[in-house]
Amino acid sequence: KDADIILLGPQIQFQLERVKKICPGKIVELINI
């Protein structure tokens, strides 16, 4: 909620859409593998 950007490790790439939904308006991306 307080993040300017949220980066996900490649091992949880399947969580990307879920994190985007629970953190609306935030930049949420995968870290380059």
Full PDB file with SEQRES, HELIX, SHEET, SSBOND, CRYST1, ORIGX, SCALE, CONECT and MASTER records, all heavy atoms in Angstrom:
SEQRES   1 A   33  LYS ASP ALA ASP ILE ILE LEU LEU GLY PRO GLN ILE GLN          
SEQRES   2 A   33  PHE GLN LEU GLU ARG VAL LYS LYS ILE CYS PRO GLY LYS          
SEQRES   3 A   33  ILE VAL GLU LEU ILE ASN ILE                                  
HELIX    1 AA1 PRO A   10  GLN A   15  5                                   6    
HELIX    2 AA2 LEU A   16  ILE A   22  1                                   7    
SHEET    1 AA1 2 ILE A   5  LEU A   8  0                                        
SHEET    2 AA1 2 ILE A  27  LEU A  30  1                                        
CRYST1    1.000    1.000    1.000  90.00  90.00  90.00 P 1           1          
ORIGX1      1.000000  0.000000  0.000000        0.00000                         
ORIGX2      0.000000  1.000000  0.000000        0.00000                         
ORIGX3      0.000000  0.000000  1.000000        0.00000                         
SCALE1      1.000000  0.000000  0.000000        0.00000                         
SCALE2      0.000000  1.000000  0.000000        0.00000                         
SCALE3      0.000000  0.000000  1.000000        0.00000                         
ATOM      1  N   LYS A   1       0.803  -1.226   0.000  1.00  0.00           N  
ATOM      2  CA  LYS A   1       0.000   0.000   0.000  1.00  0.00           C  
ATOM      3  C   LYS A   1       0.838   1.279   0.000  1.00  0.00           C  
ATOM      4  O   LYS A   1       0.403   2.305  -0.512  1.00  0.00           O  
ATOM      5  CB  LYS A   1      -0.998  -0.005   1.163  1.00  0.00           C  
ATOM      6  CG  LYS A   1      -0.374  -0.063   2.534  1.00  0.00           C  
ATOM      7  CD  LYS A   1      -1.440  -0.207   3.609  1.00  0.00           C  
ATOM      8  CE  LYS A   1      -0.764  -0.496   4.940  1.00  0.00           C  
ATOM      9  NZ  LYS A   1      -1.697  -0.971   5.927  1.00  0.00           N  
ATOM     10  N   ASP A   2       2.040   1.233   0.549  1.00  0.00           N  
ATOM     11  CA  ASP A   2       2.894   2.420   0.598  1.00  0.00           C  
ATOM     12  C   ASP A   2       4.018   2.386  -0.441  1.00  0.00           C  
ATOM     13  O   ASP A   2       4.833   3.304  -0.495  1.00  0.00           O  
ATOM     14  CB  ASP A   2       3.521   2.565   1.984  1.00  0.00           C  
ATOM     15  CG  ASP A   2       2.482   2.799   3.067  1.00  0.00           C  
ATOM     16  OD1 ASP A   2       1.476   3.472   2.786  1.00  0.00           O  
ATOM     17  OD2 ASP A   2       2.671   2.300   4.192  1.00  0.00           O  
ATOM     18  N   ALA A   3       4.061   1.342  -1.250  1.00  0.00           N  
ATOM     19  CA  ALA A   3       5.155   1.174  -2.213  1.00  0.00           C  
ATOM     20  C   ALA A   3       4.978   2.066  -3.437  1.00  0.00           C  
ATOM     21  O   ALA A   3       3.858   2.321  -3.871  1.00  0.00           O  
ATOM     22  CB  ALA A   3       5.237  -0.284  -2.652  1.00  0.00           C  
ATOM     23  N   ASP A   4       6.108   2.510  -3.971  1.00  0.00           N  
ATOM     24  CA  ASP A   4       6.089   3.216  -5.245  1.00  0.00           C  
ATOM     25  C   ASP A   4       6.158   2.215  -6.393  1.00  0.00           C  
ATOM     26  O   ASP A   4       5.648   2.479  -7.474  1.00  0.00           O  
ATOM     27  CB  ASP A   4       7.269   4.191  -5.334  1.00  0.00           C  
ATOM     28  CG  ASP A   4       7.110   5.339  -4.355  1.00  0.00           C  
ATOM     29  OD1 ASP A   4       6.163   6.122  -4.533  1.00  0.00           O  
ATOM     30  OD2 ASP A   4       7.907   5.436  -3.402  1.00  0.00           O  
ATOM     31  N   ILE A   5       6.805   1.084  -6.140  1.00  0.00           N  
ATOM     32  CA  ILE A   5       6.876   0.004  -7.123  1.00  0.00           C  
ATOM     33  C   ILE A   5       6.991  -1.316  -6.373  1.00  0.00           C  
ATOM     34  O   ILE A   5       7.621  -1.392  -5.314  1.00  0.00           O  
ATOM     35  CB  ILE A   5       8.055   0.194  -8.110  1.00  0.00           C  
ATOM     36  CG1 ILE A   5       7.984  -0.822  -9.269  1.00  0.00           C  
ATOM     37  CG2 ILE A   5       9.391   0.154  -7.389  1.00  0.00           C  
ATOM     38  CD1 ILE A   5       8.928  -0.499 -10.430  1.00  0.00           C  
ATOM     39  N   ILE A   6       6.355  -2.342  -6.922  1.00  0.00           N  
ATOM     40  CA  ILE A   6       6.386  -3.681  -6.345  1.00  0.00           C  
ATOM     41  C   ILE A   6       6.970  -4.607  -7.401  1.00  0.00           C  
ATOM     42  O   ILE A   6       6.470  -4.679  -8.518  1.00  0.00           O  
ATOM     43  CB  ILE A   6       4.976  -4.152  -5.952  1.00  0.00           C  
ATOM     44  CG1 ILE A   6       4.349  -3.169  -4.943  1.00  0.00           C  
ATOM     45  CG2 ILE A   6       5.015  -5.582  -5.392  1.00  0.00           C  
ATOM     46  CD1 ILE A   6       2.858  -3.344  -4.744  1.00  0.00           C  
ATOM     47  N   LEU A   7       8.044  -5.295  -7.032  1.00  0.00           N  
ATOM     48  CA  LEU A   7       8.723  -6.203  -7.955  1.00  0.00           C  
ATOM     49  C   LEU A   7       8.601  -7.631  -7.444  1.00  0.00           C  
ATOM     50  O   LEU A   7       8.878  -7.900  -6.277  1.00  0.00           O  
ATOM     51  CB  LEU A   7      10.200  -5.822  -8.076  1.00  0.00           C  
ATOM     52  CG  LEU A   7      10.492  -4.391  -8.537  1.00  0.00           C  
ATOM     53  CD1 LEU A   7      11.981  -4.096  -8.439  1.00  0.00           C  
ATOM     54  CD2 LEU A   7       9.987  -4.187  -9.950  1.00  0.00           C  
ATOM     55  N   LEU A   8       8.195  -8.524  -8.324  1.00  0.00           N  
ATOM     56  CA  LEU A   8       8.029  -9.930  -7.956  1.00  0.00           C  
ATOM     57  C   LEU A   8       9.187 -10.757  -8.481  1.00  0.00           C  
ATOM     58  O   LEU A   8       9.610 -10.585  -9.631  1.00  0.00           O  
ATOM     59  CB  LEU A   8       6.732 -10.495  -8.542  1.00  0.00           C  
ATOM     60  CG  LEU A   8       5.438 -10.248  -7.770  1.00  0.00           C  
ATOM     61  CD1 LEU A   8       5.096  -8.771  -7.738  1.00  0.00           C  
ATOM     62  CD2 LEU A   8       4.313 -11.041  -8.369  1.00  0.00           C  
ATOM     63  N   GLY A   9       9.656 -11.673  -7.657  1.00  0.00           N  
ATOM     64  CA  GLY A   9      10.675 -12.624  -8.081  1.00  0.00           C  
ATOM     65  C   GLY A   9      10.099 -13.558  -9.125  1.00  0.00           C  
ATOM     66  O   GLY A   9       8.893 -13.849  -9.110  1.00  0.00           O  
ATOM     67  N   PRO A  10      10.931 -14.035 -10.046  1.00  0.00           N  
ATOM     68  CA  PRO A  10      10.446 -14.901 -11.130  1.00  0.00           C  
ATOM     69  C   PRO A  10       9.735 -16.163 -10.644  1.00  0.00           C  
ATOM     70  O   PRO A  10       8.832 -16.656 -11.307  1.00  0.00           O  
ATOM     71  CB  PRO A  10      11.718 -15.270 -11.890  1.00  0.00           C  
ATOM     72  CG  PRO A  10      12.716 -14.237 -11.522  1.00  0.00           C  
ATOM     73  CD  PRO A  10      12.361 -13.763 -10.150  1.00  0.00           C  
ATOM     74  N   GLN A  11      10.101 -16.660  -9.475  1.00  0.00           N  
ATOM     75  CA  GLN A  11       9.505 -17.893  -8.980  1.00  0.00           C  
ATOM     76  C   GLN A  11       8.042 -17.724  -8.580  1.00  0.00           C  
ATOM     77  O   GLN A  11       7.334 -18.704  -8.394  1.00  0.00           O  
ATOM     78  CB  GLN A  11      10.341 -18.474  -7.824  1.00  0.00           C  
ATOM     79  CG  GLN A  11      10.239 -17.721  -6.514  1.00  0.00           C  
ATOM     80  CD  GLN A  11      11.165 -16.532  -6.388  1.00  0.00           C  
ATOM     81  OE1 GLN A  11      11.527 -15.897  -7.360  1.00  0.00           O  
ATOM     82  NE2 GLN A  11      11.556 -16.208  -5.165  1.00  0.00           N  
ATOM     83  N   ILE A  12       7.577 -16.480  -8.466  1.00  0.00           N  
ATOM     84  CA  ILE A  12       6.159 -16.251  -8.138  1.00  0.00           C  
ATOM     85  C   ILE A  12       5.461 -15.459  -9.238  1.00  0.00           C  
ATOM     86  O   ILE A  12       4.480 -14.759  -8.981  1.00  0.00           O  
ATOM     87  CB  ILE A  12       5.983 -15.565  -6.764  1.00  0.00           C  
ATOM     88  CG1 ILE A  12       6.676 -14.203  -6.726  1.00  0.00           C  
ATOM     89  CG2 ILE A  12       6.449 -16.471  -5.637  1.00  0.00           C  
ATOM     90  CD1 ILE A  12       6.206 -13.322  -5.589  1.00  0.00           C  
ATOM     91  N   GLN A  13       5.924 -15.607 -10.462  1.00  0.00           N  
ATOM     92  CA  GLN A  13       5.315 -14.869 -11.571  1.00  0.00           C  
ATOM     93  C   GLN A  13       3.823 -15.148 -11.711  1.00  0.00           C  
ATOM     94  O   GLN A  13       3.060 -14.285 -12.148  1.00  0.00           O  
ATOM     95  CB  GLN A  13       6.043 -15.144 -12.874  1.00  0.00           C  
ATOM     96  CG  GLN A  13       6.009 -16.580 -13.321  1.00  0.00           C  
ATOM     97  CD  GLN A  13       6.835 -16.790 -14.587  1.00  0.00           C  
ATOM     98  OE1 GLN A  13       6.983 -15.883 -15.392  1.00  0.00           O  
ATOM     99  NE2 GLN A  13       7.367 -17.980 -14.755  1.00  0.00           N  
ATOM    100  N   PHE A  14       3.394 -16.327 -11.290  1.00  0.00           N  
ATOM    101  CA  PHE A  14       1.971 -16.682 -11.354  1.00  0.00           C  
ATOM    102  C   PHE A  14       1.117 -15.822 -10.424  1.00  0.00           C  
ATOM    103  O   PHE A  14      -0.109 -15.802 -10.532  1.00  0.00           O  
ATOM    104  CB  PHE A  14       1.767 -18.174 -11.035  1.00  0.00           C  
ATOM    105  CG  PHE A  14       2.174 -18.551  -9.636  1.00  0.00           C  
ATOM    106  CD1 PHE A  14       1.240 -18.570  -8.607  1.00  0.00           C  
ATOM    107  CD2 PHE A  14       3.490 -18.892  -9.337  1.00  0.00           C  
ATOM    108  CE1 PHE A  14       1.605 -18.910  -7.312  1.00  0.00           C  
ATOM    109  CE2 PHE A  14       3.867 -19.246  -8.045  1.00  0.00           C  
ATOM    110  CZ  PHE A  14       2.922 -19.246  -7.037  1.00  0.00           C  
ATOM    111  N   GLN A  15       1.754 -15.085  -9.501  1.00  0.00           N  
ATOM    112  CA  GLN A  15       1.036 -14.225  -8.549  1.00  0.00           C  
ATOM    113  C   GLN A  15       0.868 -12.796  -9.069  1.00  0.00           C  
ATOM    114  O   GLN A  15       0.242 -11.964  -8.417  1.00  0.00           O  
ATOM    115  CB  GLN A  15       1.811 -14.168  -7.220  1.00  0.00           C  
ATOM    116  CG  GLN A  15       1.915 -15.480  -6.506  1.00  0.00           C  
ATOM    117  CD  GLN A  15       0.713 -15.753  -5.627  1.00  0.00           C  
ATOM    118  OE1 GLN A  15      -0.312 -15.082  -5.715  1.00  0.00           O  
ATOM    119  NE2 GLN A  15       0.819 -16.741  -4.777  1.00  0.00           N  
ATOM    120  N   LEU A  16       1.417 -12.499 -10.249  1.00  0.00           N  
ATOM    121  CA  LEU A  16       1.428 -11.132 -10.765  1.00  0.00           C  
ATOM    122  C   LEU A  16       0.035 -10.497 -10.807  1.00  0.00           C  
ATOM    123  O   LEU A  16      -0.170  -9.399 -10.263  1.00  0.00           O  
ATOM    124  CB  LEU A  16       2.077 -11.086 -12.152  1.00  0.00           C  
ATOM    125  CG  LEU A  16       2.200  -9.703 -12.795  1.00  0.00           C  
ATOM    126  CD1 LEU A  16       3.148  -8.816 -12.006  1.00  0.00           C  
ATOM    127  CD2 LEU A  16       2.680  -9.839 -14.236  1.00  0.00           C  
ATOM    128  N   GLU A  17      -0.919 -11.149 -11.416  1.00  0.00           N  
ATOM    129  CA  GLU A  17      -2.262 -10.570 -11.543  1.00  0.00           C  
ATOM    130  C   GLU A  17      -2.942 -10.410 -10.190  1.00  0.00           C  
ATOM    131  O   GLU A  17      -3.650  -9.423  -9.953  1.00  0.00           O  
ATOM    132  CB  GLU A  17      -3.122 -11.394 -12.500  1.00  0.00           C  
ATOM    133  CG  GLU A  17      -2.650 -11.320 -13.942  1.00  0.00           C  
ATOM    134  CD  GLU A  17      -2.505  -9.889 -14.471  1.00  0.00           C  
ATOM    135  OE1 GLU A  17      -3.421  -9.064 -14.234  1.00  0.00           O  
ATOM    136  OE2 GLU A  17      -1.480  -9.601 -15.121  1.00  0.00           O  
ATOM    137  N   ARG A  18      -2.723 -11.363  -9.294  1.00  0.00           N  
ATOM    138  CA  ARG A  18      -3.312 -11.265  -7.950  1.00  0.00           C  
ATOM    139  C   ARG A  18      -2.757 -10.054  -7.204  1.00  0.00           C  
ATOM    140  O   ARG A  18      -3.506  -9.284  -6.588  1.00  0.00           O  
ATOM    141  CB  ARG A  18      -3.053 -12.540  -7.140  1.00  0.00           C  
ATOM    142  CG  ARG A  18      -3.755 -12.529  -5.781  1.00  0.00           C  
ATOM    143  CD  ARG A  18      -3.456 -13.785  -4.982  1.00  0.00           C  
ATOM    144  NE  ARG A  18      -2.156 -13.745  -4.346  1.00  0.00           N  
ATOM    145  CZ  ARG A  18      -1.894 -13.084  -3.199  1.00  0.00           C  
ATOM    146  NH1 ARG A  18      -2.838 -12.388  -2.599  1.00  0.00           N  
ATOM    147  NH2 ARG A  18      -0.698 -13.123  -2.675  1.00  0.00           N  
ATOM    148  N   VAL A  19      -1.447  -9.858  -7.278  1.00  0.00           N  
ATOM    149  CA  VAL A  19      -0.834  -8.718  -6.592  1.00  0.00           C  
ATOM    150  C   VAL A  19      -1.321  -7.409  -7.202  1.00  0.00           C  
ATOM    151  O   VAL A  19      -1.604  -6.450  -6.487  1.00  0.00           O  
ATOM    152  CB  VAL A  19       0.714  -8.823  -6.605  1.00  0.00           C  
ATOM    153  CG1 VAL A  19       1.355  -7.568  -6.030  1.00  0.00           C  
ATOM    154  CG2 VAL A  19       1.181 -10.049  -5.819  1.00  0.00           C  
ATOM    155  N   LYS A  20      -1.460  -7.360  -8.520  1.00  0.00           N  
ATOM    156  CA  LYS A  20      -1.987  -6.156  -9.166  1.00  0.00           C  
ATOM    157  C   LYS A  20      -3.399  -5.838  -8.662  1.00  0.00           C  
ATOM    158  O   LYS A  20      -3.738  -4.671  -8.449  1.00  0.00           O  
ATOM    159  CB  LYS A  20      -2.023  -6.326 -10.689  1.00  0.00           C  
ATOM    160  CG  LYS A  20      -0.674  -6.200 -11.349  1.00  0.00           C  
ATOM    161  CD  LYS A  20      -0.804  -6.353 -12.854  1.00  0.00           C  
ATOM    162  CE  LYS A  20       0.532  -6.163 -13.542  1.00  0.00           C  
ATOM    163  NZ  LYS A  20       0.405  -6.250 -15.011  1.00  0.00           N  
ATOM    164  N   LYS A  21      -4.203  -6.867  -8.435  1.00  0.00           N  
ATOM    165  CA  LYS A  21      -5.573  -6.662  -7.959  1.00  0.00           C  
ATOM    166  C   LYS A  21      -5.615  -6.181  -6.516  1.00  0.00           C  
ATOM    167  O   LYS A  21      -6.459  -5.357  -6.160  1.00  0.00           O  
ATOM    168  CB  LYS A  21      -6.378  -7.957  -8.088  1.00  0.00           C  
ATOM    169  CG  LYS A  21      -6.791  -8.247  -9.507  1.00  0.00           C  
ATOM    170  CD  LYS A  21      -7.582  -9.539  -9.600  1.00  0.00           C  
ATOM    171  CE  LYS A  21      -7.850  -9.873 -11.058  1.00  0.00           C  
ATOM    172  NZ  LYS A  21      -8.414 -11.199 -11.236  1.00  0.00           N  
ATOM    173  N   ILE A  22      -4.724  -6.697  -5.684  1.00  0.00           N  
ATOM    174  CA  ILE A  22      -4.763  -6.294  -4.272  1.00  0.00           C  
ATOM    175  C   ILE A  22      -3.974  -5.008  -4.002  1.00  0.00           C  
ATOM    176  O   ILE A  22      -4.071  -4.456  -2.918  1.00  0.00           O  
ATOM    177  CB  ILE A  22      -4.312  -7.427  -3.320  1.00  0.00           C  
ATOM    178  CG1 ILE A  22      -2.873  -7.853  -3.571  1.00  0.00           C  
ATOM    179  CG2 ILE A  22      -5.238  -8.607  -3.401  1.00  0.00           C  
ATOM    180  CD1 ILE A  22      -2.359  -8.884  -2.583  1.00  0.00           C  
ATOM    181  N   CYS A  23      -3.237  -4.536  -5.012  1.00  0.00           N  
ATOM    182  CA  CYS A  23      -2.492  -3.280  -4.892  1.00  0.00           C  
ATOM    183  C   CYS A  23      -2.854  -2.365  -6.069  1.00  0.00           C  
ATOM    184  O   CYS A  23      -1.985  -2.026  -6.886  1.00  0.00           O  
ATOM    185  CB  CYS A  23      -0.988  -3.554  -4.865  1.00  0.00           C  
ATOM    186  SG  CYS A  23      -0.433  -4.562  -3.489  1.00  0.00           S  
ATOM    187  N   PRO A  24      -4.115  -1.971  -6.160  1.00  0.00           N  
ATOM    188  CA  PRO A  24      -4.545  -1.163  -7.306  1.00  0.00           C  
ATOM    189  C   PRO A  24      -3.816   0.180  -7.357  1.00  0.00           C  
ATOM    190  O   PRO A  24      -3.527   0.781  -6.326  1.00  0.00           O  
ATOM    191  CB  PRO A  24      -6.048  -0.975  -7.068  1.00  0.00           C  
ATOM    192  CG  PRO A  24      -6.242  -1.172  -5.608  1.00  0.00           C  
ATOM    193  CD  PRO A  24      -5.178  -2.155  -5.178  1.00  0.00           C  
ATOM    194  N   GLY A  25      -3.506   0.590  -8.570  1.00  0.00           N  
ATOM    195  CA  GLY A  25      -2.834   1.874  -8.759  1.00  0.00           C  
ATOM    196  C   GLY A  25      -1.338   1.835  -8.552  1.00  0.00           C  
ATOM    197  O   GLY A  25      -0.669   2.849  -8.712  1.00  0.00           O  
ATOM    198  N   LYS A  26      -0.814   0.689  -8.198  1.00  0.00           N  
ATOM    199  CA  LYS A  26       0.629   0.537  -7.982  1.00  0.00           C  
ATOM    200  C   LYS A  26       1.285  -0.074  -9.213  1.00  0.00           C  
ATOM    201  O   LYS A  26       0.669  -0.847  -9.940  1.00  0.00           O  
ATOM    202  CB  LYS A  26       0.925  -0.365  -6.771  1.00  0.00           C  
ATOM    203  CG  LYS A  26       0.343   0.129  -5.473  1.00  0.00           C  
ATOM    204  CD  LYS A  26       1.002   1.415  -5.044  1.00  0.00           C  
ATOM    205  CE  LYS A  26       0.400   1.940  -3.747  1.00  0.00           C  
ATOM    206  NZ  LYS A  26       1.041   3.157  -3.307  1.00  0.00           N  
ATOM    207  N   ILE A  27       2.539   0.275  -9.425  1.00  0.00           N  
ATOM    208  CA  ILE A  27       3.315  -0.373 -10.481  1.00  0.00           C  
ATOM    209  C   ILE A  27       3.745  -1.726  -9.926  1.00  0.00           C  
ATOM    210  O   ILE A  27       4.408  -1.802  -8.887  1.00  0.00           O  
ATOM    211  CB  ILE A  27       4.552   0.461 -10.863  1.00  0.00           C  
ATOM    212  CG1 ILE A  27       4.129   1.819 -11.409  1.00  0.00           C  
ATOM    213  CG2 ILE A  27       5.404  -0.295 -11.884  1.00  0.00           C  
ATOM    214  CD1 ILE A  27       5.276   2.797 -11.588  1.00  0.00           C  
ATOM    215  N   VAL A  28       3.333  -2.796 -10.605  1.00  0.00           N  
ATOM    216  CA  VAL A  28       3.661  -4.158 -10.176  1.00  0.00           C  
ATOM    217  C   VAL A  28       4.263  -4.869 -11.383  1.00  0.00           C  
ATOM    218  O   VAL A  28       3.617  -4.986 -12.424  1.00  0.00           O  
ATOM    219  CB  VAL A  28       2.415  -4.926  -9.675  1.00  0.00           C  
ATOM    220  CG1 VAL A  28       2.804  -6.324  -9.204  1.00  0.00           C  
ATOM    221  CG2 VAL A  28       1.705  -4.158  -8.565  1.00  0.00           C  
ATOM    222  N   GLU A  29       5.496  -5.339 -11.232  1.00  0.00           N  
ATOM    223  CA  GLU A  29       6.189  -5.974 -12.343  1.00  0.00           C  
ATOM    224  C   GLU A  29       7.011  -7.161 -11.859  1.00  0.00           C  
ATOM    225  O   GLU A  29       7.330  -7.266 -10.677  1.00  0.00           O  
ATOM    226  CB  GLU A  29       7.144  -4.981 -13.011  1.00  0.00           C  
ATOM    227  CG  GLU A  29       6.456  -3.800 -13.631  1.00  0.00           C  
ATOM    228  CD  GLU A  29       7.413  -2.913 -14.399  1.00  0.00           C  
ATOM    229  OE1 GLU A  29       8.644  -3.063 -14.261  1.00  0.00           O  
ATOM    230  OE2 GLU A  29       6.924  -2.068 -15.154  1.00  0.00           O  
ATOM    231  N   LEU A  30       7.372  -7.996 -12.831  1.00  0.00           N  
ATOM    232  CA  LEU A  30       8.289  -9.095 -12.559  1.00  0.00           C  
ATOM    233  C   LEU A  30       9.721  -8.591 -12.665  1.00  0.00           C  
ATOM    234  O   LEU A  30      10.026  -7.756 -13.515  1.00  0.00           O  
ATOM    235  CB  LEU A  30       8.104 -10.227 -13.567  1.00  0.00           C  
ATOM    236  CG  LEU A  30       6.760 -10.948 -13.554  1.00  0.00           C  
ATOM    237  CD1 LEU A  30       6.705 -11.944 -14.699  1.00  0.00           C  
ATOM    238  CD2 LEU A  30       6.542 -11.645 -12.224  1.00  0.00           C  
ATOM    239  N   ILE A  31      10.598  -9.122 -11.836  1.00  0.00           N  
ATOM    240  CA  ILE A  31      12.024  -8.830 -11.955  1.00  0.00           C  
ATOM    241  C   ILE A  31      12.551  -9.643 -13.128  1.00  0.00           C  
ATOM    242  O   ILE A  31      12.232 -10.826 -13.268  1.00  0.00           O  
ATOM    243  CB  ILE A  31      12.781  -9.226 -10.665  1.00  0.00           C  
ATOM    244  CG1 ILE A  31      12.237  -8.436  -9.465  1.00  0.00           C  
ATOM    245  CG2 ILE A  31      14.288  -9.000 -10.835  1.00  0.00           C  
ATOM    246  CD1 ILE A  31      12.720  -8.933  -8.117  1.00  0.00           C  
ATOM    247  N   ASN A  32      13.341  -9.008 -13.969  1.00  0.00           N  
ATOM    248  CA  ASN A  32      13.956  -9.691 -15.094  1.00  0.00           C  
ATOM    249  C   ASN A  32      14.681 -10.936 -14.589  1.00  0.00           C  
ATOM    250  O   ASN A  32      15.485 -10.855 -13.661  1.00  0.00           O  
ATOM    251  CB  ASN A  32      14.928  -8.740 -15.793  1.00  0.00           C  
ATOM    252  CG  ASN A  32      15.667  -9.390 -16.923  1.00  0.00           C  
ATOM    253  OD1 ASN A  32      16.603 -10.159 -16.696  1.00  0.00           O  
ATOM    254  ND2 ASN A  32      15.279  -9.079 -18.135  1.00  0.00           N  
ATOM    255  N   ILE A  33      14.389 -12.081 -15.200  1.00  0.00           N  
ATOM    256  CA  ILE A  33      14.924 -13.351 -14.712  1.00  0.00           C  
ATOM    257  C   ILE A  33      16.460 -13.413 -14.760  1.00  0.00           C  
ATOM    258  O   ILE A  33      17.089 -13.959 -13.862  1.00  0.00           O  
ATOM    259  CB  ILE A  33      14.283 -14.557 -15.432  1.00  0.00           C  
ATOM    260  CG1 ILE A  33      14.593 -15.849 -14.693  1.00  0.00           C  
ATOM    261  CG2 ILE A  33      14.698 -14.603 -16.898  1.00  0.00           C  
ATOM    262  CD1 ILE A  33      13.714 -17.007 -15.094  1.00  0.00           C  
TER     263      ILE A  33                                                      
MASTER        0    0    0    2    2    0    0    6  262    1    0    3          
END                                                                             
